[in-house]
Structure formats: structure tokens, C-alpha cells
């Protein structure tokens, strides 16, 4: 059987020092790669600013129509299965 040892949620001084060093190292690495420090511009980067959105386009107004068509097909399929199960 395992022995449960109560651990305090408080960080020790060594853990705090290591965490601070890792944060500094992360910021330095980010600056080397051309990145920015967290909150250096004072604003949150929006998804529209991301490179992965290049070459994409916004959803058109027809998306609602396609959603209705999809729901209608699901309803028709459900009714077909229900009617078929009633005949047996």
C-alpha cells in the first residue's frame, strides 16, 4: 500500500530561485529568436495577428444555410430510421 505524505503547497526558496531563473532564461531565448517579452507592448496578441491565418478567408453568410441543410439531412435520416424501425 502507498503511504500518503502530506506536502505543503508552498514553494521552497530553492524552487522559487529555480523558477525565476527559468523565467529569465525563457525571456532571453525569446528575445534571441526575435520574439518579445510577455506584455512588452502592453497588449495581448490577437489571433488575427498570427501567421497561421495567412491564406485563409472569413466564413461567408452561406455558412448558416449549410448548417440548416446539414440539420435537415440529420432530421431526415433520423425520421427514416425511426419509420423503418416501426415497420418491423
N, C-alpha and C. Protein backbone atom coordinates (compact mmCIF):
# COMPACT_ATOMS: atom_id res chain seq x y z
N UNK A 1 0.83 -1.18 0.00
CA UNK A 1 0.00 0.00 0.00
C UNK A 1 0.88 1.25 0.00
N UNK A 2 0.35 2.28 -0.61
CA UNK A 2 1.11 3.52 -0.69
C UNK A 2 0.93 4.33 0.58
N UNK A 3 1.96 5.01 0.95
CA UNK A 3 1.93 5.86 2.12
C UNK A 3 1.71 7.30 1.66
N UNK A 4 0.65 7.91 2.14
CA UNK A 4 0.34 9.29 1.75
C UNK A 4 1.14 10.22 2.64
N UNK A 5 1.93 11.06 1.99
CA UNK A 5 2.72 12.04 2.72
C UNK A 5 2.16 13.41 2.40
N UNK A 6 1.82 14.15 3.42
CA UNK A 6 1.26 15.48 3.21
C UNK A 6 2.38 16.41 2.77
N UNK A 7 2.13 17.08 1.65
CA UNK A 7 3.09 18.04 1.14
C UNK A 7 2.47 19.42 1.16
N UNK A 8 3.24 20.36 1.59
CA UNK A 8 2.77 21.74 1.60
C UNK A 8 2.78 22.28 0.18
N UNK A 9 1.81 23.13 -0.13
CA UNK A 9 1.75 23.75 -1.44
C UNK A 9 2.72 24.91 -1.57
N UNK A 10 3.34 25.26 -0.50
CA UNK A 10 4.27 26.39 -0.52
C UNK A 10 5.58 25.98 -1.19
N UNK A 11 6.11 26.88 -1.98
CA UNK A 11 7.39 26.62 -2.64
C UNK A 11 8.54 26.96 -1.69
N UNK A 12 9.57 26.19 -1.81
CA UNK A 12 10.75 26.49 -1.01
C UNK A 12 11.53 27.60 -1.70
N UNK A 13 12.53 28.12 -1.01
CA UNK A 13 13.35 29.18 -1.59
C UNK A 13 14.08 28.67 -2.83
N UNK A 14 14.54 27.43 -2.80
CA UNK A 14 15.24 26.86 -3.94
C UNK A 14 14.30 26.76 -5.15
N UNK A 15 13.07 26.32 -4.91
CA UNK A 15 12.10 26.22 -6.01
C UNK A 15 11.80 27.60 -6.59
N UNK A 16 11.68 28.61 -5.75
CA UNK A 16 11.43 29.96 -6.23
C UNK A 16 12.60 30.46 -7.06
N UNK A 17 13.83 30.18 -6.60
CA UNK A 17 15.02 30.62 -7.32
C UNK A 17 15.11 29.94 -8.68
N UNK A 18 14.84 28.64 -8.73
CA UNK A 18 14.88 27.90 -9.99
C UNK A 18 13.80 28.42 -10.94
N UNK A 19 12.62 28.68 -10.44
CA UNK A 19 11.53 29.19 -11.28
C UNK A 19 11.89 30.56 -11.85
N UNK A 20 12.49 31.42 -11.05
CA UNK A 20 12.89 32.74 -11.53
C UNK A 20 13.97 32.63 -12.60
N UNK A 21 14.94 31.74 -12.40
CA UNK A 21 15.99 31.54 -13.40
C UNK A 21 15.42 31.01 -14.71
N UNK A 22 14.47 30.09 -14.62
CA UNK A 22 13.86 29.55 -15.84
C UNK A 22 13.06 30.62 -16.59
N UNK A 23 12.38 31.50 -15.84
CA UNK A 23 11.66 32.58 -16.49
C UNK A 23 12.62 33.52 -17.22
N UNK A 24 13.72 33.86 -16.57
CA UNK A 24 14.71 34.73 -17.21
C UNK A 24 15.29 34.07 -18.46
N UNK A 25 15.60 32.79 -18.36
CA UNK A 25 16.16 32.06 -19.50
C UNK A 25 15.16 32.03 -20.66
N UNK A 26 13.88 31.83 -20.34
CA UNK A 26 12.85 31.80 -21.37
C UNK A 26 12.74 33.15 -22.07
N UNK A 27 12.79 34.23 -21.32
CA UNK A 27 12.72 35.57 -21.91
C UNK A 27 13.93 35.83 -22.79
N UNK A 28 15.12 35.44 -22.34
CA UNK A 28 16.32 35.63 -23.14
C UNK A 28 16.25 34.83 -24.43
N UNK A 29 15.78 33.59 -24.37
CA UNK A 29 15.66 32.76 -25.57
C UNK A 29 14.64 33.35 -26.53
N UNK A 30 13.58 33.90 -25.98
CA UNK A 30 12.54 34.50 -26.80
C UNK A 30 13.09 35.72 -27.53
N UNK A 31 13.91 36.51 -26.86
CA UNK A 31 14.49 37.69 -27.48
C UNK A 31 15.50 37.31 -28.56
N UNK A 32 16.24 36.23 -28.36
CA UNK A 32 17.20 35.77 -29.35
C UNK A 32 16.50 35.34 -30.64
N UNK A 33 15.32 34.76 -30.51
CA UNK A 33 14.57 34.26 -31.66
C UNK A 33 13.74 35.36 -32.31
N UNK A 34 13.88 36.58 -31.87
CA UNK A 34 13.12 37.68 -32.45
C UNK A 34 11.76 37.86 -31.81
N UNK A 35 11.52 37.18 -30.73
CA UNK A 35 10.23 37.31 -30.05
C UNK A 35 10.20 38.53 -29.15
N UNK A 36 9.17 38.65 -28.41
CA UNK A 36 9.02 39.76 -27.50
C UNK A 36 8.80 39.23 -26.11
N UNK A 37 9.14 40.03 -25.14
CA UNK A 37 8.89 39.62 -23.77
C UNK A 37 7.39 39.68 -23.52
N UNK A 38 6.92 38.89 -22.60
CA UNK A 38 5.47 38.92 -22.31
C UNK A 38 5.03 40.33 -21.92
N UNK A 39 3.97 40.78 -22.53
CA UNK A 39 3.38 42.08 -22.25
C UNK A 39 4.32 43.24 -22.53
N UNK A 40 5.31 43.05 -23.40
CA UNK A 40 6.24 44.14 -23.67
C UNK A 40 5.56 45.28 -24.41
N UNK A 41 4.54 44.98 -25.21
CA UNK A 41 3.81 46.04 -25.91
C UNK A 41 2.60 46.51 -25.10
N UNK A 42 2.31 45.81 -24.04
CA UNK A 42 1.19 46.20 -23.21
C UNK A 42 -0.15 45.72 -23.71
N UNK A 43 -0.14 44.83 -24.71
CA UNK A 43 -1.42 44.31 -25.20
C UNK A 43 -1.29 42.82 -25.46
N UNK A 44 -2.41 42.17 -25.51
CA UNK A 44 -2.45 40.73 -25.78
C UNK A 44 -2.47 40.53 -27.28
N UNK A 45 -1.67 39.58 -27.76
CA UNK A 45 -1.63 39.31 -29.19
C UNK A 45 -2.94 38.62 -29.58
N UNK A 46 -3.61 39.18 -30.56
CA UNK A 46 -4.87 38.63 -31.02
C UNK A 46 -4.63 37.54 -32.06
N UNK A 47 -5.54 36.57 -32.21
CA UNK A 47 -5.36 35.52 -33.21
C UNK A 47 -5.25 36.06 -34.63
N UNK A 48 -5.82 37.24 -34.90
CA UNK A 48 -5.73 37.81 -36.24
C UNK A 48 -4.29 38.16 -36.60
N UNK A 49 -3.44 38.33 -35.59
CA UNK A 49 -2.05 38.70 -35.83
C UNK A 49 -1.18 37.49 -36.14
N UNK A 50 -1.70 36.29 -35.98
CA UNK A 50 -0.89 35.09 -36.11
C UNK A 50 -0.64 34.73 -37.56
N UNK A 51 0.50 34.12 -37.79
CA UNK A 51 0.91 33.75 -39.16
C UNK A 51 0.09 32.57 -39.69
N UNK A 52 -0.46 31.76 -38.81
CA UNK A 52 -1.20 30.59 -39.30
C UNK A 52 -2.50 30.97 -40.00
N UNK A 53 -2.92 32.21 -39.88
CA UNK A 53 -4.15 32.65 -40.55
C UNK A 53 -3.90 33.16 -41.96
N UNK A 54 -2.63 33.21 -42.37
CA UNK A 54 -2.33 33.69 -43.72
C UNK A 54 -2.90 32.72 -44.74
N UNK A 55 -3.54 33.26 -45.79
CA UNK A 55 -4.11 32.42 -46.84
C UNK A 55 -5.47 31.86 -46.52
N UNK A 56 -6.06 32.27 -45.41
CA UNK A 56 -7.41 31.81 -45.07
C UNK A 56 -8.40 32.94 -45.32
N UNK A 57 -9.67 32.62 -45.32
CA UNK A 57 -10.68 33.65 -45.52
C UNK A 57 -11.77 33.48 -44.47
N UNK A 58 -12.53 34.52 -44.27
CA UNK A 58 -13.60 34.51 -43.27
C UNK A 58 -14.78 33.69 -43.77
N UNK A 59 -15.57 33.20 -42.84
CA UNK A 59 -16.76 32.45 -43.18
C UNK A 59 -17.78 33.39 -43.82
N UNK A 60 -18.40 32.92 -44.89
CA UNK A 60 -19.39 33.75 -45.58
C UNK A 60 -20.75 33.61 -44.92
N UNK A 61 -21.72 34.35 -45.44
CA UNK A 61 -23.08 34.29 -44.93
C UNK A 61 -23.78 32.98 -45.26
N UNK A 62 -23.22 32.21 -46.20
CA UNK A 62 -23.82 30.93 -46.57
C UNK A 62 -23.58 29.84 -45.54
N UNK A 63 -22.75 30.10 -44.56
CA UNK A 63 -22.47 29.10 -43.53
C UNK A 63 -23.75 28.73 -42.79
N UNK A 64 -24.61 29.70 -42.54
CA UNK A 64 -25.87 29.43 -41.85
C UNK A 64 -26.76 28.52 -42.70
N UNK A 65 -26.79 28.74 -44.00
CA UNK A 65 -27.58 27.91 -44.91
C UNK A 65 -27.05 26.48 -44.90
N UNK A 66 -25.71 26.33 -44.97
CA UNK A 66 -25.13 24.98 -44.93
C UNK A 66 -25.44 24.29 -43.61
N UNK A 67 -25.46 25.03 -42.52
CA UNK A 67 -25.81 24.45 -41.23
C UNK A 67 -27.26 23.95 -41.24
N UNK A 68 -28.17 24.75 -41.80
CA UNK A 68 -29.57 24.33 -41.89
C UNK A 68 -29.73 23.09 -42.76
N UNK A 69 -28.98 23.03 -43.88
CA UNK A 69 -29.03 21.85 -44.76
C UNK A 69 -28.54 20.62 -44.01
N UNK A 70 -27.45 20.76 -43.28
CA UNK A 70 -26.90 19.65 -42.51
C UNK A 70 -27.89 19.16 -41.46
N UNK A 71 -28.51 20.08 -40.74
CA UNK A 71 -29.50 19.71 -39.72
C UNK A 71 -30.70 19.02 -40.38
N UNK A 72 -31.15 19.53 -41.53
CA UNK A 72 -32.28 18.91 -42.23
C UNK A 72 -31.95 17.49 -42.66
N UNK A 73 -30.74 17.26 -43.14
CA UNK A 73 -30.33 15.90 -43.53
C UNK A 73 -30.31 14.99 -42.31
N UNK A 74 -29.81 15.48 -41.19
CA UNK A 74 -29.80 14.66 -39.97
C UNK A 74 -31.21 14.32 -39.51
N UNK A 75 -32.12 15.29 -39.57
CA UNK A 75 -33.51 15.05 -39.18
C UNK A 75 -34.15 14.03 -40.12
N UNK A 76 -33.91 14.19 -41.43
CA UNK A 76 -34.48 13.25 -42.40
C UNK A 76 -33.94 11.84 -42.18
N UNK A 77 -32.67 11.72 -41.90
CA UNK A 77 -32.08 10.41 -41.62
C UNK A 77 -32.66 9.81 -40.35
N UNK A 78 -32.83 10.63 -39.34
CA UNK A 78 -33.42 10.15 -38.09
C UNK A 78 -34.85 9.68 -38.29
N UNK A 79 -35.64 10.45 -39.03
CA UNK A 79 -37.02 10.05 -39.31
C UNK A 79 -37.07 8.75 -40.13
N UNK A 80 -36.16 8.61 -41.10
CA UNK A 80 -36.12 7.40 -41.91
C UNK A 80 -35.84 6.18 -41.04
N UNK A 81 -34.87 6.30 -40.15
CA UNK A 81 -34.54 5.18 -39.25
C UNK A 81 -35.70 4.90 -38.32
N UNK A 82 -36.35 5.94 -37.81
CA UNK A 82 -37.47 5.74 -36.88
C UNK A 82 -38.65 5.05 -37.58
N UNK A 83 -38.96 5.50 -38.80
CA UNK A 83 -40.09 4.89 -39.54
C UNK A 83 -39.74 3.46 -39.90
N UNK A 84 -38.51 3.20 -40.29
CA UNK A 84 -38.10 1.85 -40.65
C UNK A 84 -38.16 0.93 -39.43
N UNK A 85 -37.85 1.44 -38.26
CA UNK A 85 -37.89 0.59 -37.06
C UNK A 85 -39.33 0.32 -36.63
N UNK A 86 -40.28 1.19 -36.99
CA UNK A 86 -41.68 1.00 -36.63
C UNK A 86 -42.34 -0.07 -37.50
N UNK A 87 -41.82 -0.30 -38.71
CA UNK A 87 -42.40 -1.29 -39.62
C UNK A 87 -42.02 -2.71 -39.24
N UNK A 88 -41.01 -2.89 -38.47
CA UNK A 88 -40.55 -4.24 -38.14
C UNK A 88 -41.40 -4.87 -37.10
